[in-house]
Amino acid sequence: MTKTIAFYGSSLLSAYWNGAATYYRGMIRALAKRGYRTTFYEPDVYDRQKNRDIDPPAWAEVVVYDGTVDALRKVAAEAARHDIVVKASGVGFEDDLILQEVMAAARPDALKVFWDVDAPATLAEMRDSPDHALRRMLPSLDLVLTYGGGDPVVAAYQGFGARECVPVYNALDPDTHHPVPPDPRFACDLAFLGNRLPDREARVHEFFLQPAASLPDRSFLLGGNGWPGSNLPPNVRAIGHVPTADHNALNCTPRMVLNVARDSMASNGFSPATRVFEAAGAGACLVTDAWEGIELFLQPDEEVLVARDGQDVAELVRTVTPQRAERIGQAALKRVLAHHTYDQRAAQADALFQAQARREAAE
């Protein structure tokens, strides 16, 4: 029997200022293959609807609502129609109210899930605010899923009263992220794609801009919102927002691509960003800043290059040949296709949902 999911998140249709888009799309599409039918509710905020990069998909229904409290309450009431009710973190519009309204509307027999796409930030908020809405409601929710974080994140959530917390990590959708021919627009020695955010900017300076400044004879490409107008080295070309449709070409063309974790993700570890799997799925040679747990996803020196600091990045740009870069990229592609696809993550989520349903039926 088809299970229906009411999913309240930031946006399925637009990746504009919305780093979770790839994760949402991969998970929901893969769950559809397993018989789940999802209705995704997203607010019309932050100009995301003006910057859609996919059409409404066949594998989910999308409901876009006005950024008003009245519209929020109307779509929250629709949670009562569904078997599983999911509130994601980081919607960006009245997050606490959405959580309260949708869980109040959910049927008593519905599975109630909080799906955290930024666990370090959420946990920090709960530590700082004893009256935090999620902190109050955790004991009444059936399940917390996170797209990153290892044992410390699980233990922290359980310490706040979560019944169960399980990481369901980012992954690859090989239908959307895969090797394509190189595109001259993205030719360079090292590329970084990521929005300019306060808790990542210092690390981007250390791992990307400083190496660029030290290697004036090499070329660097910077994609993402917020960077143009910065004081960039002359050999860094900033190209602004890169639509999802261009991600494969951006990953396939440079000699190497860089991943830089946000401060909180790096300190918690076990938090591979979507760009890690996007790059690996395109067969790119990925350089990542060091964080605990990377070897669970890609093997250092064989499937990924790990840099401890900007000097390491500069040394890799100087020394890694195109031939070695290609070998590493191909090894990464093989690894993620074998072990890290959204079909595999959806199987994990499906098993969790079914286990919860069996427990409730037995009570």
Foldseek 3Di string as FASTA:
>chain_A
DAFEEEEEAQDCFFCAVNQCNVVVVQQQQLLLVVRYEYEYEAECDPCRVVHGQDDQDPSYHYHYFYLDPVRLLVSLLCLCVGQEYEYEPDNPGPSLVSLVRNVVNHDPNHAYEYEYAPLLVVLVVCVVDVVRSCLVCQQVHQEYEYQFFDDVSQVSSVVSRHPGYYYLHAADDLVQFAADDADVVQEFAEEEADADDPQFPVQCCKAPQVLCQVCVVGAYEYEEADPPVDPGPPRYHYDYHDRSNCLLNNLNHHLAYEDTDGPSCQVRFRHDRNNLNSNLRNLFAYEYEDHPPVVVQANDPQQYDYDPINVRNNVCSVDPDSVSRNRNSPRSNVRRVVPGGSNVSNVVVVVVVVVSSVVVVVD
